[in-house]
Amino acid sequence: MKTALILNNTHSEFEFIKFLKKKYDKVFTLGNQIPFLKEKKIQHFKLDYKNSKKINAIINKYKILHIFPGSNDLTLFSLSKLKNKFVDDIKKVRILHNKFFF
C-alpha cells in the first residue's frame, strides 16, 4: 500500500492533499488543529508536528513511504529534523529557508 504523510491539514494544503489522494492509497495528515479536509482516505493525527519522536513512531507504525511539509516554514523545519531523504538537514534549512537569517 502506498502511503504519504503531510505535516498539516489546513486550507493552505487543500490542493496538495487532493493531489496526494490521487497518487497514494492512504494519506495521513498531522497537526494540532482541527483538520480542514476530512475524508475516508485521509487519516488525521492531532499532534504538534514539532514532536519528531511521535512522528517517527507514526511513520514506523503505518509504514509511511513519503513525507511532505505543509505550507508553512515550521513544517519544513520539523520535517528536516526527521532526517529523511526529501529535505536537507536542519542546518541547511535554517540558512536557506529561515526569513530571520535571510
N, C-alpha and C. Protein backbone atom coordinates (compact mmCIF):
# COMPACT_ATOMS: atom_id res chain seq x y z
N MET A 1 0.85 -1.17 0.00
CA MET A 1 0.00 0.00 0.00
C MET A 1 0.90 1.24 0.00
N LYS A 2 0.62 2.18 -0.89
CA LYS A 2 1.37 3.44 -0.96
C LYS A 2 0.76 4.43 0.02
N THR A 3 1.60 4.94 0.92
CA THR A 3 1.12 5.85 1.95
C THR A 3 1.96 7.12 1.96
N ALA A 4 1.34 8.22 2.34
CA ALA A 4 2.03 9.50 2.45
C ALA A 4 1.58 10.23 3.70
N LEU A 5 2.48 11.03 4.23
CA LEU A 5 2.18 11.86 5.39
C LEU A 5 2.48 13.30 5.02
N ILE A 6 1.56 14.20 5.31
CA ILE A 6 1.80 15.63 5.14
C ILE A 6 1.64 16.29 6.50
N LEU A 7 2.63 17.12 6.83
CA LEU A 7 2.59 17.81 8.10
C LEU A 7 1.72 19.05 7.97
N ASN A 8 0.51 18.92 8.38
CA ASN A 8 -0.50 19.98 8.45
C ASN A 8 -1.72 19.57 7.62
N ASN A 9 -2.86 20.13 7.96
CA ASN A 9 -4.10 19.90 7.22
C ASN A 9 -4.97 21.14 7.40
N THR A 10 -4.53 22.22 6.75
CA THR A 10 -5.28 23.47 6.79
C THR A 10 -5.72 23.81 5.37
N HIS A 11 -6.41 24.93 5.22
CA HIS A 11 -6.85 25.33 3.88
C HIS A 11 -5.66 25.52 2.93
N SER A 12 -4.48 25.84 3.46
CA SER A 12 -3.29 26.05 2.62
C SER A 12 -2.83 24.77 1.93
N GLU A 13 -3.07 23.63 2.53
CA GLU A 13 -2.65 22.35 1.96
C GLU A 13 -3.76 21.65 1.17
N PHE A 14 -4.91 22.26 1.05
CA PHE A 14 -6.08 21.63 0.44
C PHE A 14 -5.77 21.02 -0.94
N GLU A 15 -5.22 21.81 -1.85
CA GLU A 15 -4.95 21.31 -3.20
C GLU A 15 -3.89 20.23 -3.20
N PHE A 16 -2.87 20.38 -2.35
CA PHE A 16 -1.81 19.38 -2.28
C PHE A 16 -2.35 18.05 -1.76
N ILE A 17 -3.20 18.10 -0.76
CA ILE A 17 -3.79 16.87 -0.22
C ILE A 17 -4.67 16.20 -1.27
N LYS A 18 -5.44 17.00 -2.02
CA LYS A 18 -6.25 16.42 -3.11
C LYS A 18 -5.37 15.71 -4.13
N PHE A 19 -4.22 16.29 -4.45
CA PHE A 19 -3.27 15.67 -5.38
C PHE A 19 -2.71 14.37 -4.79
N LEU A 20 -2.34 14.38 -3.51
CA LEU A 20 -1.79 13.19 -2.87
C LEU A 20 -2.81 12.05 -2.84
N LYS A 21 -4.10 12.38 -2.66
CA LYS A 21 -5.14 11.35 -2.65
C LYS A 21 -5.19 10.58 -3.96
N LYS A 22 -4.85 11.23 -5.06
CA LYS A 22 -4.85 10.56 -6.37
C LYS A 22 -3.66 9.64 -6.54
N LYS A 23 -2.56 9.94 -5.87
CA LYS A 23 -1.31 9.20 -6.05
C LYS A 23 -1.08 8.11 -5.01
N TYR A 24 -1.74 8.22 -3.86
CA TYR A 24 -1.49 7.30 -2.75
C TYR A 24 -2.79 6.61 -2.33
N ASP A 25 -2.63 5.40 -1.80
CA ASP A 25 -3.78 4.65 -1.29
C ASP A 25 -4.33 5.26 0.00
N LYS A 26 -3.43 5.77 0.83
CA LYS A 26 -3.82 6.34 2.12
C LYS A 26 -2.96 7.58 2.37
N VAL A 27 -3.60 8.66 2.81
CA VAL A 27 -2.90 9.89 3.12
C VAL A 27 -3.12 10.19 4.60
N PHE A 28 -2.03 10.40 5.31
CA PHE A 28 -2.08 10.78 6.71
C PHE A 28 -1.74 12.25 6.82
N THR A 29 -2.45 12.95 7.69
CA THR A 29 -2.12 14.34 7.95
C THR A 29 -1.86 14.48 9.44
N LEU A 30 -1.13 15.52 9.79
CA LEU A 30 -0.73 15.68 11.16
C LEU A 30 -0.72 17.16 11.51
N GLY A 31 -1.31 17.52 12.62
CA GLY A 31 -1.32 18.90 13.07
C GLY A 31 -2.08 19.01 14.37
N ASN A 32 -1.86 20.11 15.09
CA ASN A 32 -2.52 20.25 16.39
C ASN A 32 -3.83 21.02 16.31
N GLN A 33 -4.32 21.25 15.08
CA GLN A 33 -5.60 21.92 14.90
C GLN A 33 -6.63 20.94 14.33
N ILE A 34 -7.87 21.37 14.28
CA ILE A 34 -8.91 20.56 13.64
C ILE A 34 -8.59 20.48 12.15
N PRO A 35 -8.60 19.28 11.57
CA PRO A 35 -8.23 19.15 10.15
C PRO A 35 -9.23 19.86 9.23
N PHE A 36 -8.71 20.51 8.21
CA PHE A 36 -9.54 21.22 7.24
C PHE A 36 -10.25 20.24 6.31
N LEU A 37 -9.53 19.22 5.88
CA LEU A 37 -10.06 18.24 4.93
C LEU A 37 -10.24 16.90 5.65
N LYS A 38 -11.47 16.43 5.72
CA LYS A 38 -11.78 15.14 6.36
C LYS A 38 -12.45 14.25 5.33
N GLU A 39 -11.86 13.10 5.09
CA GLU A 39 -12.42 12.13 4.16
C GLU A 39 -12.00 10.74 4.60
N LYS A 40 -12.60 9.75 3.98
CA LYS A 40 -12.30 8.36 4.33
C LYS A 40 -10.84 8.00 4.05
N LYS A 41 -10.31 8.52 2.96
CA LYS A 41 -8.95 8.17 2.54
C LYS A 41 -7.88 8.95 3.32
N ILE A 42 -8.28 9.89 4.15
CA ILE A 42 -7.36 10.73 4.90
C ILE A 42 -7.52 10.44 6.38
N GLN A 43 -6.41 10.12 7.04
CA GLN A 43 -6.43 9.92 8.49
C GLN A 43 -5.60 11.03 9.13
N HIS A 44 -6.21 11.73 10.06
CA HIS A 44 -5.54 12.86 10.70
C HIS A 44 -5.12 12.49 12.12
N PHE A 45 -3.90 12.91 12.48
CA PHE A 45 -3.40 12.75 13.85
C PHE A 45 -3.32 14.14 14.47
N LYS A 46 -4.01 14.33 15.58
CA LYS A 46 -3.94 15.62 16.28
C LYS A 46 -2.70 15.59 17.16
N LEU A 47 -1.66 16.22 16.63
CA LEU A 47 -0.35 16.16 17.26
C LEU A 47 0.46 17.37 16.80
N ASP A 48 1.24 17.92 17.69
CA ASP A 48 2.12 19.02 17.32
C ASP A 48 3.26 18.47 16.46
N TYR A 49 3.44 19.02 15.27
CA TYR A 49 4.43 18.45 14.36
C TYR A 49 5.85 18.83 14.70
N LYS A 50 6.09 19.47 15.83
CA LYS A 50 7.46 19.67 16.32
C LYS A 50 7.94 18.44 17.09
N ASN A 51 7.05 17.51 17.41
CA ASN A 51 7.39 16.33 18.19
C ASN A 51 7.89 15.22 17.27
N SER A 52 9.18 15.23 16.96
CA SER A 52 9.72 14.29 15.98
C SER A 52 9.69 12.83 16.45
N LYS A 53 9.76 12.60 17.76
CA LYS A 53 9.71 11.21 18.26
C LYS A 53 8.36 10.56 17.96
N LYS A 54 7.28 11.28 18.23
CA LYS A 54 5.95 10.73 17.97
C LYS A 54 5.69 10.60 16.47
N ILE A 55 6.21 11.55 15.69
CA ILE A 55 6.05 11.46 14.23
C ILE A 55 6.77 10.23 13.70
N ASN A 56 7.98 9.98 14.18
CA ASN A 56 8.72 8.78 13.77
C ASN A 56 7.97 7.51 14.14
N ALA A 57 7.34 7.49 15.31
CA ALA A 57 6.56 6.33 15.72
C ALA A 57 5.39 6.10 14.77
N ILE A 58 4.71 7.16 14.35
CA ILE A 58 3.60 7.05 13.39
C ILE A 58 4.11 6.55 12.04
N ILE A 59 5.24 7.08 11.60
CA ILE A 59 5.83 6.66 10.33
C ILE A 59 6.11 5.17 10.34
N ASN A 60 6.70 4.69 11.42
CA ASN A 60 7.02 3.26 11.53
C ASN A 60 5.77 2.40 11.67
N LYS A 61 4.83 2.82 12.48
CA LYS A 61 3.62 2.04 12.72
C LYS A 61 2.80 1.85 11.44
N TYR A 62 2.64 2.93 10.67
CA TYR A 62 1.79 2.87 9.48
C TYR A 62 2.58 2.66 8.18
N LYS A 63 3.88 2.43 8.31
CA LYS A 63 4.76 2.16 7.16
C LYS A 63 4.60 3.23 6.08
N ILE A 64 4.73 4.47 6.51
CA ILE A 64 4.56 5.60 5.60
C ILE A 64 5.78 5.71 4.69
N LEU A 65 5.52 5.77 3.39
CA LEU A 65 6.60 5.80 2.40
C LEU A 65 7.17 7.19 2.16
N HIS A 66 6.31 8.20 2.06
CA HIS A 66 6.75 9.54 1.73
C HIS A 66 6.17 10.56 2.70
N ILE A 67 7.00 11.56 3.02
CA ILE A 67 6.61 12.58 3.98
C ILE A 67 6.80 13.95 3.33
N PHE A 68 5.82 14.83 3.49
CA PHE A 68 5.86 16.13 2.85
C PHE A 68 5.60 17.24 3.86
N PRO A 69 6.27 18.38 3.71
CA PRO A 69 5.97 19.50 4.60
C PRO A 69 4.67 20.17 4.19
N GLY A 70 4.05 20.84 5.11
CA GLY A 70 2.87 21.63 4.79
C GLY A 70 3.29 22.95 4.18
N SER A 71 2.43 23.92 4.24
CA SER A 71 2.67 25.19 3.56
C SER A 71 3.25 26.29 4.44
N ASN A 72 3.79 25.92 5.58
CA ASN A 72 4.42 26.96 6.40
C ASN A 72 5.86 26.57 6.74
N ASP A 73 6.63 27.54 7.18
CA ASP A 73 8.06 27.32 7.47
C ASP A 73 8.28 26.29 8.57
N LEU A 74 7.43 26.31 9.59
CA LEU A 74 7.62 25.43 10.72
C LEU A 74 7.53 23.96 10.32
N THR A 75 6.66 23.62 9.38
CA THR A 75 6.58 22.22 8.96
C THR A 75 7.85 21.79 8.24
N LEU A 76 8.45 22.70 7.48
CA LEU A 76 9.71 22.39 6.80
C LEU A 76 10.82 22.15 7.81
N PHE A 77 10.90 22.99 8.85
CA PHE A 77 11.90 22.78 9.89
C PHE A 77 11.66 21.46 10.62
N SER A 78 10.40 21.16 10.92
CA SER A 78 10.07 19.91 11.61
C SER A 78 10.46 18.70 10.77
N LEU A 79 10.17 18.76 9.49
CA LEU A 79 10.50 17.64 8.60
C LEU A 79 12.00 17.44 8.48
N SER A 80 12.76 18.52 8.49
CA SER A 80 14.21 18.37 8.38
C SER A 80 14.80 17.69 9.61
N LYS A 81 14.16 17.81 10.75
CA LYS A 81 14.63 17.14 11.96
C LYS A 81 14.43 15.63 11.90
N LEU A 82 13.53 15.16 11.03
CA LEU A 82 13.29 13.72 10.91
C LEU A 82 14.39 13.02 10.11
N LYS A 83 15.28 13.80 9.49
CA LYS A 83 16.41 13.27 8.74
C LYS A 83 15.98 12.31 7.64
N ASN A 84 15.01 12.74 6.85
CA ASN A 84 14.61 11.90 5.72
C ASN A 84 15.30 12.38 4.46
N LYS A 85 15.15 11.65 3.38
CA LYS A 85 15.88 11.95 2.16
C LYS A 85 15.23 13.04 1.31
N PHE A 86 14.09 13.57 1.73
CA PHE A 86 13.38 14.55 0.92
C PHE A 86 13.74 15.99 1.23
N VAL A 87 14.30 16.23 2.41
CA VAL A 87 14.58 17.59 2.85
C VAL A 87 16.00 17.65 3.38
N ASP A 88 16.66 18.79 3.19
CA ASP A 88 18.01 19.00 3.71
C ASP A 88 18.03 18.90 5.23
N ASP A 89 19.25 18.76 5.78
CA ASP A 89 19.34 18.70 7.24
C ASP A 89 19.00 20.08 7.83
N ILE A 90 18.80 20.08 9.13
CA ILE A 90 18.28 21.26 9.82
C ILE A 90 19.19 22.47 9.66
N LYS A 91 20.51 22.29 9.62
CA LYS A 91 21.43 23.42 9.48
C LYS A 91 21.23 24.12 8.13
N LYS A 92 21.11 23.35 7.07
CA LYS A 92 20.89 23.94 5.74
C LYS A 92 19.53 24.61 5.65
N VAL A 93 18.52 23.97 6.22
CA VAL A 93 17.17 24.53 6.17
C VAL A 93 17.12 25.87 6.91
N ARG A 94 17.79 25.94 8.05
CA ARG A 94 17.81 27.20 8.82
C ARG A 94 18.43 28.32 8.00
N ILE A 95 19.48 28.02 7.26
CA ILE A 95 20.15 29.04 6.46
C ILE A 95 19.32 29.42 5.24
N LEU A 96 18.82 28.43 4.53
CA LEU A 96 18.16 28.68 3.25
C LEU A 96 16.71 29.15 3.36
N HIS A 97 16.01 28.69 4.38
CA HIS A 97 14.57 28.92 4.42
C HIS A 97 14.09 29.78 5.59
N ASN A 98 14.99 30.21 6.43
CA ASN A 98 14.55 30.99 7.58
C ASN A 98 14.57 32.47 7.24
N LYS A 99 13.43 33.11 7.32
CA LYS A 99 13.29 34.54 7.00
C LYS A 99 14.21 35.40 7.85
N PHE A 100 14.38 35.03 9.11
CA PHE A 100 15.17 35.86 10.02
C PHE A 100 16.65 35.86 9.66
N PHE A 101 17.17 34.71 9.23
CA PHE A 101 18.58 34.65 8.82
C PHE A 101 18.77 35.27 7.45
N PHE A 102 17.75 35.20 6.60
CA PHE A 102 17.85 35.75 5.25
C PHE A 102 17.97 37.26 5.32
